[in-house]
Amino acid sequence: MHHLTDVYTSLGVFAGLILIKVTGYQIIDPIAAIMVALLIFKAAWDLTVKAFGPLLDASLDSDSVKLIASILDEYQDVFLEYHELRTRKAGRECYIDLHMVLHPQVSIQEAHDLCDAIEARIESAISFSHVLIHVEPADISYETEGQEA
């Protein structure tokens, strides 16, 4: 990017000099200088964002979130719902957590095995990921809503 910026600024200066020579308008010089300066500022901004991006926490990209949702959909017949899906990326590490609502009749062992399976599936699909699932039993209103329908 640094070398490309050098090429563009040199071309901008060269084009400005040619336009001044051809047209005789001296105003082209400061306009070309401003355009070259803006290009340098944009390149500096892009380099700064690229350099600091991995140091700051950010959400995973939308493709990764869709992948996580599709993996959860593979298990949708085992749990009632999931919510509060949160993702963040810090360096190369990806952190994923969510809340999963299960039937109150599901045993602790079954819930544990389900969470292990989902966590392993997500961790194999997304490199350097760490998954945390918070299990919640369905409340009474959830159970009665399903019976009314």
N, C-alpha and C. Protein backbone atom coordinates (compact mmCIF):
# COMPACT_ATOMS: atom_id res chain seq x y z
N MET A 1 0.83 -1.19 0.00
CA MET A 1 0.00 0.00 0.00
C MET A 1 0.88 1.26 0.00
N HIS A 2 1.99 1.19 0.74
CA HIS A 2 2.89 2.35 0.79
C HIS A 2 3.43 2.67 -0.60
N HIS A 3 3.88 1.65 -1.31
CA HIS A 3 4.42 1.86 -2.65
C HIS A 3 3.34 2.31 -3.63
N LEU A 4 2.16 1.74 -3.48
CA LEU A 4 1.06 2.13 -4.35
C LEU A 4 0.69 3.60 -4.13
N THR A 5 0.72 4.05 -2.89
CA THR A 5 0.47 5.46 -2.59
C THR A 5 1.52 6.34 -3.25
N ASP A 6 2.78 5.90 -3.21
CA ASP A 6 3.85 6.66 -3.88
C ASP A 6 3.58 6.78 -5.38
N VAL A 7 3.15 5.69 -5.99
CA VAL A 7 2.86 5.72 -7.43
C VAL A 7 1.73 6.70 -7.72
N TYR A 8 0.63 6.61 -6.95
CA TYR A 8 -0.51 7.49 -7.19
C TYR A 8 -0.15 8.96 -6.96
N THR A 9 0.61 9.25 -5.92
CA THR A 9 0.98 10.65 -5.68
C THR A 9 1.89 11.17 -6.78
N SER A 10 2.81 10.34 -7.23
CA SER A 10 3.69 10.77 -8.33
C SER A 10 2.89 11.00 -9.60
N LEU A 11 1.93 10.11 -9.87
CA LEU A 11 1.08 10.30 -11.05
C LEU A 11 0.23 11.56 -10.92
N GLY A 12 -0.27 11.83 -9.71
CA GLY A 12 -1.07 13.04 -9.49
C GLY A 12 -0.27 14.30 -9.71
N VAL A 13 0.96 14.31 -9.20
CA VAL A 13 1.82 15.48 -9.41
C VAL A 13 2.15 15.64 -10.89
N PHE A 14 2.48 14.53 -11.54
CA PHE A 14 2.81 14.56 -12.96
C PHE A 14 1.62 15.05 -13.79
N ALA A 15 0.44 14.53 -13.50
CA ALA A 15 -0.77 14.95 -14.23
C ALA A 15 -1.05 16.43 -13.99
N GLY A 16 -0.84 16.90 -12.76
CA GLY A 16 -1.04 18.31 -12.46
C GLY A 16 -0.08 19.20 -13.24
N LEU A 17 1.18 18.78 -13.32
CA LEU A 17 2.16 19.56 -14.09
C LEU A 17 1.82 19.62 -15.58
N ILE A 18 1.38 18.50 -16.10
CA ILE A 18 1.01 18.46 -17.53
C ILE A 18 -0.20 19.37 -17.78
N LEU A 19 -1.22 19.28 -16.89
CA LEU A 19 -2.41 20.13 -17.06
C LEU A 19 -2.06 21.62 -16.96
N ILE A 20 -1.14 21.96 -16.06
CA ILE A 20 -0.72 23.36 -15.96
C ILE A 20 -0.02 23.79 -17.25
N LYS A 21 0.84 22.94 -17.77
CA LYS A 21 1.58 23.26 -19.01
C LYS A 21 0.63 23.41 -20.19
N VAL A 22 -0.38 22.48 -20.28
CA VAL A 22 -1.30 22.49 -21.42
C VAL A 22 -2.28 23.65 -21.33
N THR A 23 -2.85 23.87 -20.13
CA THR A 23 -3.91 24.87 -20.00
C THR A 23 -3.39 26.25 -19.58
N GLY A 24 -2.28 26.27 -18.87
CA GLY A 24 -1.76 27.53 -18.37
C GLY A 24 -2.43 28.00 -17.09
N TYR A 25 -3.38 27.23 -16.55
CA TYR A 25 -4.08 27.60 -15.32
C TYR A 25 -3.23 27.19 -14.11
N GLN A 26 -2.75 28.17 -13.37
CA GLN A 26 -1.92 27.91 -12.19
C GLN A 26 -2.74 27.35 -11.01
N ILE A 27 -4.04 27.53 -11.05
CA ILE A 27 -4.90 27.04 -9.96
C ILE A 27 -4.88 25.51 -9.87
N ILE A 28 -4.50 24.86 -10.94
CA ILE A 28 -4.44 23.39 -10.96
C ILE A 28 -3.41 22.88 -9.95
N ASP A 29 -2.34 23.64 -9.72
CA ASP A 29 -1.29 23.19 -8.81
C ASP A 29 -1.81 22.98 -7.38
N PRO A 30 -2.47 23.97 -6.75
CA PRO A 30 -2.98 23.71 -5.40
C PRO A 30 -4.09 22.65 -5.36
N ILE A 31 -4.90 22.57 -6.42
CA ILE A 31 -5.95 21.54 -6.47
C ILE A 31 -5.32 20.16 -6.50
N ALA A 32 -4.30 20.00 -7.33
CA ALA A 32 -3.59 18.70 -7.41
C ALA A 32 -2.92 18.39 -6.09
N ALA A 33 -2.34 19.41 -5.43
CA ALA A 33 -1.69 19.19 -4.14
C ALA A 33 -2.68 18.74 -3.08
N ILE A 34 -3.87 19.35 -3.09
CA ILE A 34 -4.90 18.95 -2.13
C ILE A 34 -5.35 17.51 -2.39
N MET A 35 -5.53 17.15 -3.65
CA MET A 35 -5.94 15.78 -4.00
C MET A 35 -4.87 14.77 -3.57
N VAL A 36 -3.61 15.09 -3.80
CA VAL A 36 -2.52 14.20 -3.39
C VAL A 36 -2.50 14.08 -1.86
N ALA A 37 -2.69 15.18 -1.16
CA ALA A 37 -2.71 15.15 0.31
C ALA A 37 -3.86 14.28 0.82
N LEU A 38 -5.03 14.41 0.20
CA LEU A 38 -6.17 13.57 0.60
C LEU A 38 -5.88 12.10 0.37
N LEU A 39 -5.23 11.79 -0.72
CA LEU A 39 -4.86 10.41 -1.00
C LEU A 39 -3.90 9.87 0.06
N ILE A 40 -2.95 10.69 0.46
CA ILE A 40 -1.99 10.28 1.50
C ILE A 40 -2.71 10.08 2.84
N PHE A 41 -3.65 10.98 3.18
CA PHE A 41 -4.42 10.82 4.41
C PHE A 41 -5.26 9.56 4.39
N LYS A 42 -5.87 9.26 3.26
CA LYS A 42 -6.67 8.04 3.15
C LYS A 42 -5.80 6.80 3.33
N ALA A 43 -4.64 6.78 2.70
CA ALA A 43 -3.73 5.64 2.83
C ALA A 43 -3.27 5.49 4.28
N ALA A 44 -2.99 6.61 4.93
CA ALA A 44 -2.57 6.56 6.34
C ALA A 44 -3.70 6.01 7.21
N TRP A 45 -4.92 6.46 6.96
CA TRP A 45 -6.08 5.97 7.71
C TRP A 45 -6.26 4.47 7.51
N ASP A 46 -6.20 4.01 6.26
CA ASP A 46 -6.36 2.58 5.97
C ASP A 46 -5.29 1.74 6.65
N LEU A 47 -4.05 2.22 6.63
CA LEU A 47 -2.96 1.49 7.29
C LEU A 47 -3.15 1.46 8.80
N THR A 48 -3.62 2.55 9.37
CA THR A 48 -3.85 2.60 10.81
C THR A 48 -4.96 1.64 11.22
N VAL A 49 -6.05 1.65 10.47
CA VAL A 49 -7.16 0.74 10.77
C VAL A 49 -6.71 -0.71 10.65
N LYS A 50 -5.95 -1.00 9.61
CA LYS A 50 -5.47 -2.37 9.41
C LYS A 50 -4.51 -2.79 10.52
N ALA A 51 -3.68 -1.88 10.99
CA ALA A 51 -2.71 -2.20 12.04
C ALA A 51 -3.37 -2.39 13.40
N PHE A 52 -4.36 -1.55 13.71
CA PHE A 52 -4.99 -1.62 15.03
C PHE A 52 -6.17 -2.57 15.08
N GLY A 53 -6.70 -2.97 13.94
CA GLY A 53 -7.85 -3.88 13.91
C GLY A 53 -7.67 -5.13 14.74
N PRO A 54 -6.57 -5.86 14.57
CA PRO A 54 -6.40 -7.09 15.36
C PRO A 54 -6.22 -6.84 16.86
N LEU A 55 -5.86 -5.63 17.24
CA LEU A 55 -5.65 -5.34 18.66
C LEU A 55 -6.94 -5.00 19.38
N LEU A 56 -7.98 -4.67 18.64
CA LEU A 56 -9.25 -4.29 19.23
C LEU A 56 -10.28 -5.40 19.05
N ASP A 57 -11.12 -5.57 20.05
CA ASP A 57 -12.19 -6.56 19.93
C ASP A 57 -13.20 -6.10 18.90
N ALA A 58 -13.67 -7.05 18.10
CA ALA A 58 -14.69 -6.75 17.10
C ALA A 58 -15.56 -7.99 16.95
N SER A 59 -16.76 -7.81 16.45
CA SER A 59 -17.64 -8.95 16.19
C SER A 59 -17.08 -9.77 15.03
N LEU A 60 -17.46 -11.03 15.00
CA LEU A 60 -17.09 -11.86 13.86
C LEU A 60 -17.83 -11.36 12.62
N ASP A 61 -17.30 -11.66 11.47
CA ASP A 61 -17.94 -11.25 10.22
C ASP A 61 -19.28 -11.97 10.06
N SER A 62 -20.13 -11.44 9.21
CA SER A 62 -21.49 -11.98 9.05
C SER A 62 -21.49 -13.41 8.53
N ASP A 63 -20.51 -13.79 7.71
CA ASP A 63 -20.44 -15.17 7.23
C ASP A 63 -20.20 -16.14 8.38
N SER A 64 -19.34 -15.77 9.32
CA SER A 64 -19.07 -16.63 10.47
C SER A 64 -20.31 -16.75 11.35
N VAL A 65 -21.02 -15.65 11.54
CA VAL A 65 -22.24 -15.69 12.36
C VAL A 65 -23.30 -16.56 11.68
N LYS A 66 -23.41 -16.47 10.36
CA LYS A 66 -24.35 -17.33 9.62
C LYS A 66 -23.94 -18.79 9.75
N LEU A 67 -22.64 -19.07 9.73
CA LEU A 67 -22.15 -20.44 9.90
C LEU A 67 -22.53 -20.97 11.27
N ILE A 68 -22.35 -20.15 12.30
CA ILE A 68 -22.73 -20.55 13.66
C ILE A 68 -24.23 -20.84 13.73
N ALA A 69 -25.03 -19.97 13.14
CA ALA A 69 -26.48 -20.16 13.14
C ALA A 69 -26.86 -21.44 12.42
N SER A 70 -26.19 -21.74 11.31
CA SER A 70 -26.52 -22.98 10.58
C SER A 70 -26.13 -24.22 11.39
N ILE A 71 -25.04 -24.14 12.12
CA ILE A 71 -24.66 -25.27 12.99
C ILE A 71 -25.69 -25.44 14.09
N LEU A 72 -26.13 -24.35 14.69
CA LEU A 72 -27.16 -24.44 15.72
C LEU A 72 -28.47 -25.00 15.15
N ASP A 73 -28.78 -24.64 13.91
CA ASP A 73 -29.99 -25.15 13.27
C ASP A 73 -29.94 -26.67 13.10
N GLU A 74 -28.75 -27.24 13.00
CA GLU A 74 -28.62 -28.70 12.89
C GLU A 74 -29.13 -29.39 14.15
N TYR A 75 -29.12 -28.68 15.27
CA TYR A 75 -29.53 -29.25 16.56
C TYR A 75 -30.88 -28.71 17.03
N GLN A 76 -31.62 -28.01 16.17
CA GLN A 76 -32.83 -27.33 16.60
C GLN A 76 -33.93 -28.27 17.11
N ASP A 77 -33.88 -29.53 16.76
CA ASP A 77 -34.89 -30.46 17.26
C ASP A 77 -34.61 -30.89 18.69
N VAL A 78 -33.43 -30.56 19.23
CA VAL A 78 -33.05 -30.98 20.57
C VAL A 78 -33.30 -29.88 21.61
N PHE A 79 -33.23 -28.61 21.20
CA PHE A 79 -33.46 -27.51 22.14
C PHE A 79 -34.66 -26.69 21.67
N LEU A 80 -35.20 -25.87 22.55
CA LEU A 80 -36.37 -25.06 22.22
C LEU A 80 -35.98 -23.81 21.43
N GLU A 81 -34.96 -23.10 21.90
CA GLU A 81 -34.50 -21.89 21.21
C GLU A 81 -33.12 -21.51 21.74
N TYR A 82 -32.48 -20.62 21.02
CA TYR A 82 -31.27 -19.98 21.54
C TYR A 82 -31.42 -18.48 21.33
N HIS A 83 -30.74 -17.73 22.17
CA HIS A 83 -30.78 -16.28 22.06
C HIS A 83 -29.49 -15.70 22.61
N GLU A 84 -29.37 -14.38 22.50
CA GLU A 84 -28.18 -13.67 22.96
C GLU A 84 -26.89 -14.26 22.39
N LEU A 85 -26.92 -14.58 21.11
CA LEU A 85 -25.71 -15.03 20.43
C LEU A 85 -24.78 -13.84 20.30
N ARG A 86 -23.63 -13.92 20.93
CA ARG A 86 -22.65 -12.84 20.88
C ARG A 86 -21.31 -13.40 20.40
N THR A 87 -20.66 -12.64 19.56
CA THR A 87 -19.36 -13.05 19.04
C THR A 87 -18.39 -11.89 19.17
N ARG A 88 -17.13 -12.23 19.35
CA ARG A 88 -16.09 -11.21 19.31
C ARG A 88 -14.79 -11.86 18.89
N LYS A 89 -13.96 -11.06 18.29
CA LYS A 89 -12.66 -11.52 17.82
C LYS A 89 -11.60 -10.64 18.47
N ALA A 90 -10.63 -11.27 19.10
CA ALA A 90 -9.50 -10.57 19.71
C ALA A 90 -8.23 -11.22 19.18
N GLY A 91 -7.55 -10.51 18.29
CA GLY A 91 -6.40 -11.13 17.62
C GLY A 91 -6.91 -12.24 16.74
N ARG A 92 -6.32 -13.42 16.87
CA ARG A 92 -6.80 -14.56 16.08
C ARG A 92 -7.87 -15.37 16.81
N GLU A 93 -8.06 -15.09 18.07
CA GLU A 93 -9.02 -15.85 18.88
C GLU A 93 -10.44 -15.35 18.66
N CYS A 94 -11.39 -16.28 18.56
CA CYS A 94 -12.80 -15.97 18.38
C CYS A 94 -13.57 -16.47 19.60
N TYR A 95 -14.37 -15.62 20.17
CA TYR A 95 -15.16 -15.97 21.34
C TYR A 95 -16.64 -15.92 20.97
N ILE A 96 -17.32 -17.01 21.27
CA ILE A 96 -18.73 -17.14 20.91
C ILE A 96 -19.48 -17.59 22.16
N ASP A 97 -20.53 -16.86 22.50
CA ASP A 97 -21.36 -17.34 23.59
C ASP A 97 -22.83 -17.11 23.26
N LEU A 98 -23.66 -17.93 23.88
CA LEU A 98 -25.10 -17.87 23.63
C LEU A 98 -25.85 -18.51 24.78
N HIS A 99 -27.13 -18.23 24.85
CA HIS A 99 -28.02 -18.86 25.81
C HIS A 99 -28.90 -19.84 25.05
N MET A 100 -29.07 -21.04 25.62
CA MET A 100 -29.87 -22.07 24.98
C MET A 100 -30.96 -22.52 25.95
N VAL A 101 -32.20 -22.52 25.46
CA VAL A 101 -33.34 -22.91 26.28
C VAL A 101 -33.67 -24.38 25.98
N LEU A 102 -33.70 -25.18 27.06
CA LEU A 102 -34.00 -26.61 26.94
C LEU A 102 -35.27 -26.94 27.74
N HIS A 103 -35.89 -28.05 27.39
CA HIS A 103 -37.03 -28.54 28.18
C HIS A 103 -36.55 -28.80 29.61
N PRO A 104 -37.36 -28.49 30.59
CA PRO A 104 -36.95 -28.73 31.98
C PRO A 104 -36.69 -30.22 32.27
N GLN A 105 -37.27 -31.11 31.46
CA GLN A 105 -37.09 -32.54 31.69
C GLN A 105 -35.71 -33.05 31.24
N VAL A 106 -34.98 -32.25 30.49
CA VAL A 106 -33.66 -32.67 30.01
C VAL A 106 -32.72 -32.77 31.20
N SER A 107 -32.02 -33.90 31.29
CA SER A 107 -31.10 -34.10 32.41
C SER A 107 -29.85 -33.25 32.25
N ILE A 108 -29.15 -33.09 33.34
CA ILE A 108 -27.90 -32.33 33.30
C ILE A 108 -26.92 -33.01 32.36
N GLN A 109 -26.86 -34.32 32.38
CA GLN A 109 -25.94 -35.04 31.50
C GLN A 109 -26.30 -34.82 30.02
N GLU A 110 -27.59 -34.88 29.71
CA GLU A 110 -28.01 -34.64 28.32
C GLU A 110 -27.69 -33.21 27.88
N ALA A 111 -27.92 -32.24 28.76
CA ALA A 111 -27.60 -30.85 28.44
C ALA A 111 -26.10 -30.68 28.23
N HIS A 112 -25.33 -31.31 29.10
CA HIS A 112 -23.87 -31.24 28.99
C HIS A 112 -23.39 -31.85 27.67
N ASP A 113 -23.91 -33.02 27.35
CA ASP A 113 -23.50 -33.70 26.11
C ASP A 113 -23.90 -32.87 24.87
N LEU A 114 -25.09 -32.28 24.90
CA LEU A 114 -25.53 -31.44 23.79
C LEU A 114 -24.60 -30.24 23.62
N CYS A 115 -24.30 -29.56 24.72
CA CYS A 115 -23.42 -28.40 24.65
C CYS A 115 -22.03 -28.79 24.16
N ASP A 116 -21.50 -29.92 24.63
CA ASP A 116 -20.20 -30.39 24.15
C ASP A 116 -20.21 -30.63 22.65
N ALA A 117 -21.28 -31.25 22.16
CA ALA A 117 -21.37 -31.55 20.73
C ALA A 117 -21.43 -30.25 19.90
N ILE A 118 -22.25 -29.31 20.34
CA ILE A 118 -22.37 -28.04 19.61
C ILE A 118 -21.06 -27.26 19.67
N GLU A 119 -20.46 -27.20 20.84
CA GLU A 119 -19.19 -26.49 20.99
C GLU A 119 -18.12 -27.09 20.08
N ALA A 120 -18.02 -28.41 20.07
CA ALA A 120 -17.01 -29.08 19.23
C ALA A 120 -17.27 -28.81 17.75
N ARG A 121 -18.53 -28.82 17.36
CA ARG A 121 -18.88 -28.58 15.95
C ARG A 121 -18.51 -27.16 15.53
N ILE A 122 -18.82 -26.19 16.37
CA ILE A 122 -18.47 -24.79 16.05
C ILE A 122 -16.96 -24.60 16.06
N GLU A 123 -16.29 -25.16 17.06
CA GLU A 123 -14.84 -25.00 17.15
C GLU A 123 -14.11 -25.66 15.99
N SER A 124 -14.69 -26.73 15.42
CA SER A 124 -14.05 -27.35 14.25
C SER A 124 -14.31 -26.53 12.99
N ALA A 125 -15.42 -25.78 12.97
CA ALA A 125 -15.76 -24.98 11.78
C ALA A 125 -15.07 -23.62 11.77
N ILE A 126 -14.80 -23.07 12.95
CA ILE A 126 -14.18 -21.75 13.05
C ILE A 126 -12.88 -21.89 13.85
N SER A 127 -11.77 -21.66 13.18
CA SER A 127 -10.46 -21.82 13.81
C SER A 127 -10.29 -20.87 14.99
N PHE A 128 -9.58 -21.35 15.99
CA PHE A 128 -9.23 -20.57 17.18
C PHE A 128 -10.46 -20.03 17.90
N SER A 129 -11.55 -20.80 17.88
CA SER A 129 -12.77 -20.33 18.53
C SER A 129 -12.92 -20.99 19.90
N HIS A 130 -13.58 -20.25 20.79
CA HIS A 130 -13.90 -20.71 22.13
C HIS A 130 -15.39 -20.47 22.31
N VAL A 131 -16.12 -21.53 22.62
CA VAL A 131 -17.58 -21.44 22.68
C VAL A 131 -18.05 -21.66 24.12
N LEU A 132 -18.97 -20.82 24.54
CA LEU A 132 -19.58 -20.94 25.86
C LEU A 132 -21.09 -20.92 25.69
N ILE A 133 -21.75 -21.96 26.19
CA ILE A 133 -23.21 -22.04 26.08
C ILE A 133 -23.80 -22.03 27.49
N HIS A 134 -24.69 -21.09 27.72
CA HIS A 134 -25.40 -20.99 29.00
C HIS A 134 -26.77 -21.66 28.81
N VAL A 135 -26.99 -22.73 29.55
CA VAL A 135 -28.24 -23.49 29.41
C VAL A 135 -29.29 -22.92 30.36
N GLU A 136 -30.51 -22.74 29.83
CA GLU A 136 -31.64 -22.25 30.63
C GLU A 136 -32.80 -23.22 30.46
N PRO A 137 -33.49 -23.56 31.55
CA PRO A 137 -34.71 -24.36 31.40
C PRO A 137 -35.85 -23.48 30.91
N ALA A 138 -36.74 -24.05 30.12
CA ALA A 138 -37.91 -23.29 29.66
C ALA A 138 -38.77 -22.97 30.87
N ASP A 139 -39.31 -21.77 30.91
CA ASP A 139 -40.18 -21.42 32.03
C ASP A 139 -41.60 -21.91 31.75
N ILE A 140 -42.45 -21.78 32.72
CA ILE A 140 -43.82 -22.30 32.64
C ILE A 140 -44.57 -21.67 31.46
N SER A 141 -44.41 -20.37 31.23
CA SER A 141 -45.15 -19.70 30.16
C SER A 141 -44.75 -20.27 28.80
N TYR A 142 -43.49 -20.65 28.64
CA TYR A 142 -43.03 -21.22 27.38
C TYR A 142 -43.72 -22.56 27.15
N GLU A 143 -43.80 -23.37 28.22
CA GLU A 143 -44.43 -24.68 28.13
C GLU A 143 -45.92 -24.57 27.81
N THR A 144 -46.63 -23.61 28.44
CA THR A 144 -48.06 -23.48 28.19
C THR A 144 -48.35 -22.90 26.82
N GLU A 145 -47.47 -22.04 26.31
CA GLU A 145 -47.66 -21.50 24.97
C GLU A 145 -47.62 -22.64 23.94
N GLY A 146 -46.71 -23.57 24.12
CA GLY A 146 -46.61 -24.68 23.19
C GLY A 146 -47.82 -25.59 23.24
N GLN A 147 -48.47 -25.70 24.42
CA GLN A 147 -49.63 -26.57 24.56
C GLN A 147 -50.88 -25.92 23.98
N GLU A 148 -50.96 -24.59 24.00
CA GLU A 148 -52.15 -23.90 23.48
C GLU A 148 -52.22 -24.01 21.97
N ALA A 149 -51.11 -24.10 21.31
CA ALA A 149 -51.11 -24.11 19.84
C ALA A 149 -51.51 -25.42 19.33
